[in-house]
Amino acid sequence: MSVIEKKLKDRSNSTCELCGNEHELQVFNVAPYTEESLDHSILACKTCISQIENQEEIDLNHWRCLNDAMWNENLPVQIVSWRMHARLKNLDMLEMMYLEEDALEWAKVTGEADDDDGKIIHKDANGNILQDGDSVVLIKDLDVKGANFIAKRGAPVHNIKLVWDNAEQIEGRVENQHIVILTQYVKKTK
């Protein structure tokens, strides 16, 4: 267990900071941050994380917990609550929430509150929509700048992360190297 995970468990009394579940807890880094920290991470259950990362899996009944989580004293929990209210179109709840200007900018970085016209959508070479946590394969050999290797065509990239401000880029691991990959060179796998 990492130091941050221990501190998050202490902060949350070993419960999901969103829904209160006590099982299958994980550290979840709130985008665009990728490093674990008390200021940018929450302790969340597997159910909450999978629904945050995969919009098709959303269970509206599960997210009734946001009515409590939105008042949490910890900013990362407030940010995730704001994003989920925006995604679920809970406009009344969004109006009740108050975030400082810089916190609101952080909350909006993923585009949850944007109309679908303004939202950044990541698509693979075949036009399939990509989401955080998806798996893809490379469709072309890629010379990885600064890493002295070539990522070979057909190499799998699991558990990708979207680059939230650029629809043409994703992040993932190839040959144990964390790299940025252009979406035009990947194909989503089922």
C-alpha atoms as a PDB file:
ATOM      1  CA  MET A   1       0.000   0.000   0.000  1.00  0.00           C
ATOM      2  CA  SER A   2       1.381   3.385  -0.988  1.00  0.00           C
ATOM      3  CA  VAL A   3       1.757   6.257   1.445  1.00  0.00           C
ATOM      4  CA  ILE A   4      -0.901   8.226  -0.436  1.00  0.00           C
ATOM      5  CA  GLU A   5      -3.328   5.286  -0.352  1.00  0.00           C
ATOM      6  CA  LYS A   6      -2.853   5.019   3.418  1.00  0.00           C
ATOM      7  CA  LYS A   7      -3.467   8.758   3.856  1.00  0.00           C
ATOM      8  CA  LEU A   8      -6.564   8.575   1.638  1.00  0.00           C
ATOM      9  CA  LYS A   9      -7.880   5.655   3.691  1.00  0.00           C
ATOM     10  CA  ASP A  10      -7.318   7.690   6.851  1.00  0.00           C
ATOM     11  CA  ARG A  11      -9.033  10.713   5.271  1.00  0.00           C
ATOM     12  CA  SER A  12     -12.061   8.674   4.161  1.00  0.00           C
ATOM     13  CA  ASN A  13     -12.283   6.176   7.050  1.00  0.00           C
ATOM     14  CA  SER A  14     -11.544   3.401   4.512  1.00  0.00           C
ATOM     15  CA  THR A  15     -14.681   4.077   2.469  1.00  0.00           C
ATOM     16  CA  CYS A  16     -15.276   5.270  -1.077  1.00  0.00           C
ATOM     17  CA  GLU A  17     -15.271   9.059  -0.933  1.00  0.00           C
ATOM     18  CA  LEU A  18     -18.124   9.147  -3.439  1.00  0.00           C
ATOM     19  CA  CYS A  19     -20.578   6.395  -2.465  1.00  0.00           C
ATOM     20  CA  GLY A  20     -19.366   5.148   0.937  1.00  0.00           C
ATOM     21  CA  ASN A  21     -18.674   1.576  -0.228  1.00  0.00           C
ATOM     22  CA  GLU A  22     -16.073  -0.249   1.883  1.00  0.00           C
ATOM     23  CA  HIS A  23     -14.989  -2.866  -0.686  1.00  0.00           C
ATOM     24  CA  GLU A  24     -12.578  -2.891  -3.652  1.00  0.00           C
ATOM     25  CA  LEU A  25     -11.161   0.566  -2.931  1.00  0.00           C
ATOM     26  CA  GLN A  26      -8.525   2.096  -5.199  1.00  0.00           C
ATOM     27  CA  VAL A  27      -6.708   5.378  -5.558  1.00  0.00           C
ATOM     28  CA  PHE A  28      -8.259   7.346  -8.423  1.00  0.00           C
ATOM     29  CA  ASN A  29      -6.303  10.266  -9.876  1.00  0.00           C
ATOM     30  CA  VAL A  30      -8.587  13.100 -10.925  1.00  0.00           C
ATOM     31  CA  ALA A  31      -7.794  14.164 -14.510  1.00  0.00           C
ATOM     32  CA  PRO A  32      -5.725  15.763 -15.822  1.00  0.00           C
ATOM     33  CA  TYR A  33      -3.426  14.689 -12.984  1.00  0.00           C
ATOM     34  CA  THR A  34      -1.767  11.280 -13.319  1.00  0.00           C
ATOM     35  CA  GLU A  35       0.332  11.151 -10.153  1.00  0.00           C
ATOM     36  CA  GLU A  36      -1.112  10.042  -6.820  1.00  0.00           C
ATOM     37  CA  SER A  37      -1.399  12.889  -4.300  1.00  0.00           C
ATOM     38  CA  LEU A  38      -3.755  14.004  -1.542  1.00  0.00           C
ATOM     39  CA  ASP A  39      -4.534  17.141  -3.558  1.00  0.00           C
ATOM     40  CA  HIS A  40      -5.388  15.369  -6.830  1.00  0.00           C
ATOM     41  CA  SER A  41      -6.607  11.868  -5.889  1.00  0.00           C
ATOM     42  CA  ILE A  42      -9.583  10.280  -4.183  1.00  0.00           C
ATOM     43  CA  LEU A  43     -10.254   6.854  -2.704  1.00  0.00           C
ATOM     44  CA  ALA A  44     -13.026   5.287  -4.782  1.00  0.00           C
ATOM     45  CA  CYS A  45     -14.609   1.873  -5.181  1.00  0.00           C
ATOM     46  CA  LYS A  46     -14.296  -0.193  -8.332  1.00  0.00           C
ATOM     47  CA  THR A  47     -17.954   0.514  -9.231  1.00  0.00           C
ATOM     48  CA  CYS A  48     -17.534   4.292  -9.104  1.00  0.00           C
ATOM     49  CA  ILE A  49     -14.267   4.195 -11.058  1.00  0.00           C
ATOM     50  CA  SER A  50     -15.646   1.962 -13.816  1.00  0.00           C
ATOM     51  CA  GLN A  51     -18.673   4.234 -14.237  1.00  0.00           C
ATOM     52  CA  ILE A  52     -16.535   7.385 -14.240  1.00  0.00           C
ATOM     53  CA  GLU A  53     -14.281   5.920 -16.943  1.00  0.00           C
ATOM     54  CA  ASN A  54     -17.003   4.211 -19.036  1.00  0.00           C
ATOM     55  CA  GLN A  55     -20.066   6.325 -19.695  1.00  0.00           C
ATOM     56  CA  GLU A  56     -22.001   3.344 -21.083  1.00  0.00           C
ATOM     57  CA  GLU A  57     -21.905   1.658 -17.655  1.00  0.00           C
ATOM     58  CA  ILE A  58     -23.587   4.488 -15.735  1.00  0.00           C
ATOM     59  CA  ASP A  59     -26.248   3.370 -13.255  1.00  0.00           C
ATOM     60  CA  LEU A  60     -28.268   6.449 -12.304  1.00  0.00           C
ATOM     61  CA  ASN A  61     -29.350   4.908  -9.001  1.00  0.00           C
ATOM     62  CA  HIS A  62     -25.731   4.437  -7.954  1.00  0.00           C
ATOM     63  CA  TRP A  63     -25.021   8.160  -8.354  1.00  0.00           C
ATOM     64  CA  ARG A  64     -27.647   9.289  -5.852  1.00  0.00           C
ATOM     65  CA  CYS A  65     -24.637   9.301  -3.527  1.00  0.00           C
ATOM     66  CA  LEU A  66     -23.474  12.525  -5.170  1.00  0.00           C
ATOM     67  CA  ASN A  67     -25.980  14.484  -3.095  1.00  0.00           C
ATOM     68  CA  ASP A  68     -23.700  13.831  -0.103  1.00  0.00           C
ATOM     69  CA  ALA A  69     -20.318  13.650  -1.885  1.00  0.00           C
ATOM     70  CA  MET A  70     -20.702  17.102  -3.431  1.00  0.00           C
ATOM     71  CA  TRP A  71     -20.432  18.622   0.062  1.00  0.00           C
ATOM     72  CA  ASN A  72     -17.215  16.743   0.929  1.00  0.00           C
ATOM     73  CA  GLU A  73     -14.530  19.063   2.312  1.00  0.00           C
ATOM     74  CA  ASN A  74     -11.846  17.628  -0.005  1.00  0.00           C
ATOM     75  CA  LEU A  75     -11.505  19.396  -3.355  1.00  0.00           C
ATOM     76  CA  PRO A  76     -10.789  16.292  -5.516  1.00  0.00           C
ATOM     77  CA  VAL A  77     -14.059  14.729  -4.280  1.00  0.00           C
ATOM     78  CA  GLN A  78     -15.914  17.945  -5.101  1.00  0.00           C
ATOM     79  CA  ILE A  79     -14.368  17.994  -8.586  1.00  0.00           C
ATOM     80  CA  VAL A  80     -15.473  14.425  -9.373  1.00  0.00           C
ATOM     81  CA  SER A  81     -18.940  15.155  -7.930  1.00  0.00           C
ATOM     82  CA  TRP A  82     -19.244  18.253 -10.125  1.00  0.00           C
ATOM     83  CA  ARG A  83     -18.187  16.301 -13.220  1.00  0.00           C
ATOM     84  CA  MET A  84     -20.653  13.493 -12.557  1.00  0.00           C
ATOM     85  CA  HIS A  85     -23.505  15.959 -11.932  1.00  0.00           C
ATOM     86  CA  ALA A  86     -22.585  17.636 -15.237  1.00  0.00           C
ATOM     87  CA  ARG A  87     -22.466  14.292 -17.062  1.00  0.00           C
ATOM     88  CA  LEU A  88     -25.822  13.265 -15.601  1.00  0.00           C
ATOM     89  CA  LYS A  89     -27.282  16.694 -16.435  1.00  0.00           C
ATOM     90  CA  ASN A  90     -28.201  17.368 -12.777  1.00  0.00           C
ATOM     91  CA  LEU A  91     -28.340  21.108 -13.411  1.00  0.00           C
ATOM     92  CA  ASP A  92     -30.065  21.940 -10.119  1.00  0.00           C
ATOM     93  CA  MET A  93     -27.247  20.261  -8.186  1.00  0.00           C
ATOM     94  CA  LEU A  94     -24.591  22.027 -10.265  1.00  0.00           C
ATOM     95  CA  GLU A  95     -26.187  25.366  -9.451  1.00  0.00           C
ATOM     96  CA  MET A  96     -26.033  24.545  -5.722  1.00  0.00           C
ATOM     97  CA  MET A  97     -22.320  23.699  -5.830  1.00  0.00           C
ATOM     98  CA  TYR A  98     -19.806  26.475  -5.383  1.00  0.00           C
ATOM     99  CA  LEU A  99     -16.250  26.056  -6.603  1.00  0.00           C
ATOM    100  CA  GLU A 100     -13.529  28.707  -6.635  1.00  0.00           C
ATOM    101  CA  GLU A 101     -12.575  29.845 -10.146  1.00  0.00           C
ATOM    102  CA  ASP A 102      -9.418  27.687 -10.403  1.00  0.00           C
ATOM    103  CA  ALA A 103     -11.305  24.653  -9.052  1.00  0.00           C
ATOM    104  CA  LEU A 104     -14.084  25.190 -11.593  1.00  0.00           C
ATOM    105  CA  GLU A 105     -11.481  25.298 -14.375  1.00  0.00           C
ATOM    106  CA  TRP A 106     -10.107  21.974 -13.088  1.00  0.00           C
ATOM    107  CA  ALA A 107     -13.618  20.500 -13.016  1.00  0.00           C
ATOM    108  CA  LYS A 108     -14.301  21.618 -16.593  1.00  0.00           C
ATOM    109  CA  VAL A 109     -11.003  20.337 -18.035  1.00  0.00           C
ATOM    110  CA  THR A 110     -12.603  17.024 -19.110  1.00  0.00           C
ATOM    111  CA  GLY A 111     -15.424  18.773 -20.978  1.00  0.00           C
ATOM    112  CA  GLU A 112     -18.220  17.189 -18.929  1.00  0.00           C
ATOM    113  CA  ALA A 113     -20.289  20.381 -18.928  1.00  0.00           C
ATOM    114  CA  ASP A 114     -19.741  21.140 -22.621  1.00  0.00           C
ATOM    115  CA  ASP A 115     -22.470  20.567 -25.113  1.00  0.00           C
ATOM    116  CA  ASP A 116     -21.724  17.594 -27.297  1.00  0.00           C
ATOM    117  CA  ASP A 117     -20.746  20.036 -30.061  1.00  0.00           C
ATOM    118  CA  GLY A 118     -17.892  21.480 -27.972  1.00  0.00           C
ATOM    119  CA  LYS A 119     -16.765  18.257 -26.308  1.00  0.00           C
ATOM    120  CA  ILE A 120     -13.403  16.744 -27.202  1.00  0.00           C
ATOM    121  CA  ILE A 121     -13.982  13.232 -28.534  1.00  0.00           C
ATOM    122  CA  HIS A 122     -11.117  10.804 -29.061  1.00  0.00           C
ATOM    123  CA  LYS A 123     -11.515   8.402 -32.002  1.00  0.00           C
ATOM    124  CA  ASP A 124      -9.282   5.625 -33.262  1.00  0.00           C
ATOM    125  CA  ALA A 125      -8.211   5.169 -36.892  1.00  0.00           C
ATOM    126  CA  ASN A 126     -11.566   3.499 -37.679  1.00  0.00           C
ATOM    127  CA  GLY A 127     -13.666   6.226 -36.049  1.00  0.00           C
ATOM    128  CA  ASN A 128     -14.485   4.251 -32.881  1.00  0.00           C
ATOM    129  CA  ILE A 129     -14.830   6.437 -29.787  1.00  0.00           C
ATOM    130  CA  LEU A 130     -12.060   5.891 -27.231  1.00  0.00           C
ATOM    131  CA  GLN A 131     -12.465   6.241 -23.475  1.00  0.00           C
ATOM    132  CA  ASP A 132     -10.163   6.047 -20.472  1.00  0.00           C
ATOM    133  CA  GLY A 133      -9.351   2.420 -19.677  1.00  0.00           C
ATOM    134  CA  ASP A 134      -9.857   1.099 -23.219  1.00  0.00           C
ATOM    135  CA  SER A 135      -7.369  -1.220 -24.890  1.00  0.00           C
ATOM    136  CA  VAL A 136      -5.945  -0.484 -28.320  1.00  0.00           C
ATOM    137  CA  VAL A 137      -3.357  -1.929 -30.700  1.00  0.00           C
ATOM    138  CA  LEU A 138      -0.887   0.016 -32.802  1.00  0.00           C
ATOM    139  CA  ILE A 139      -1.580  -0.127 -36.541  1.00  0.00           C
ATOM    140  CA  LYS A 140       1.822   1.240 -37.575  1.00  0.00           C
ATOM    141  CA  ASP A 141       5.419   1.034 -36.330  1.00  0.00           C
ATOM    142  CA  LEU A 142       6.065   4.215 -34.341  1.00  0.00           C
ATOM    143  CA  ASP A 143       9.458   5.750 -33.632  1.00  0.00           C
ATOM    144  CA  VAL A 144       9.172   6.856 -29.996  1.00  0.00           C
ATOM    145  CA  LYS A 145      10.993  10.163 -29.633  1.00  0.00           C
ATOM    146  CA  GLY A 146      13.303  10.342 -26.638  1.00  0.00           C
ATOM    147  CA  ALA A 147      12.943   6.657 -25.734  1.00  0.00           C
ATOM    148  CA  ASN A 148      15.267   5.017 -28.292  1.00  0.00           C
ATOM    149  CA  PHE A 149      12.886   2.298 -29.429  1.00  0.00           C
ATOM    150  CA  ILE A 150      10.262   1.616 -32.058  1.00  0.00           C
ATOM    151  CA  ALA A 151       6.796   0.648 -30.901  1.00  0.00           C
ATOM    152  CA  LYS A 152       5.900  -2.189 -33.264  1.00  0.00           C
ATOM    153  CA  ARG A 153       2.680  -2.520 -35.205  1.00  0.00           C
ATOM    154  CA  GLY A 154       0.298  -4.860 -33.391  1.00  0.00           C
ATOM    155  CA  ALA A 155       1.632  -3.949 -29.934  1.00  0.00           C
ATOM    156  CA  PRO A 156      -1.219  -3.852 -27.411  1.00  0.00           C
ATOM    157  CA  VAL A 157      -1.737  -0.804 -25.208  1.00  0.00           C
ATOM    158  CA  HIS A 158      -4.003  -1.502 -22.251  1.00  0.00           C
ATOM    159  CA  ASN A 159      -5.761   0.908 -19.902  1.00  0.00           C
ATOM    160  CA  ILE A 160      -5.194   4.025 -22.016  1.00  0.00           C
ATOM    161  CA  LYS A 161      -5.671   7.529 -20.666  1.00  0.00           C
ATOM    162  CA  LEU A 162      -7.124  10.268 -22.852  1.00  0.00           C
ATOM    163  CA  VAL A 163      -5.255  13.544 -23.208  1.00  0.00           C
ATOM    164  CA  TRP A 164      -8.158  15.755 -22.171  1.00  0.00           C
ATOM    165  CA  ASP A 165      -7.232  18.854 -24.154  1.00  0.00           C
ATOM    166  CA  ASN A 166      -6.229  17.111 -27.397  1.00  0.00           C
ATOM    167  CA  ALA A 167      -8.586  14.742 -29.240  1.00  0.00           C
ATOM    168  CA  GLU A 168      -5.697  13.350 -31.299  1.00  0.00           C
ATOM    169  CA  GLN A 169      -3.601  12.056 -28.379  1.00  0.00           C
ATOM    170  CA  ILE A 170      -3.820   9.265 -25.817  1.00  0.00           C
ATOM    171  CA  GLU A 171      -1.338   8.024 -23.221  1.00  0.00           C
ATOM    172  CA  GLY A 172      -0.367   4.437 -22.554  1.00  0.00           C
ATOM    173  CA  ARG A 173       2.414   1.975 -21.840  1.00  0.00           C
ATOM    174  CA  VAL A 174       4.394   0.245 -24.585  1.00  0.00           C
ATOM    175  CA  GLU A 175       7.388  -1.900 -23.621  1.00  0.00           C
ATOM    176  CA  ASN A 176       7.124  -0.557 -20.051  1.00  0.00           C
ATOM    177  CA  GLN A 177       7.471   3.024 -21.314  1.00  0.00           C
ATOM    178  CA  HIS A 178       4.743   5.610 -20.701  1.00  0.00           C
ATOM    179  CA  ILE A 179       4.235   7.345 -24.067  1.00  0.00           C
ATOM    180  CA  VAL A 180       1.849   9.675 -25.873  1.00  0.00           C
ATOM    181  CA  ILE A 181       0.322   8.108 -28.989  1.00  0.00           C
ATOM    182  CA  LEU A 182      -1.593   9.736 -31.827  1.00  0.00           C
ATOM    183  CA  THR A 183      -5.106   8.277 -32.114  1.00  0.00           C
ATOM    184  CA  GLN A 184      -4.747   7.936 -35.899  1.00  0.00           C
ATOM    185  CA  TYR A 185      -2.247   5.111 -35.291  1.00  0.00           C
ATOM    186  CA  VAL A 186      -4.378   2.957 -32.990  1.00  0.00           C
ATOM    187  CA  LYS A 187      -7.331   0.614 -33.314  1.00  0.00           C
ATOM    188  CA  LYS A 188      -9.671  -0.078 -30.410  1.00  0.00           C
ATOM    189  CA  THR A 189      -9.924  -3.699 -29.310  1.00  0.00           C
ATOM    190  CA  LYS A 190     -13.018  -5.258 -27.755  1.00  0.00           C
END
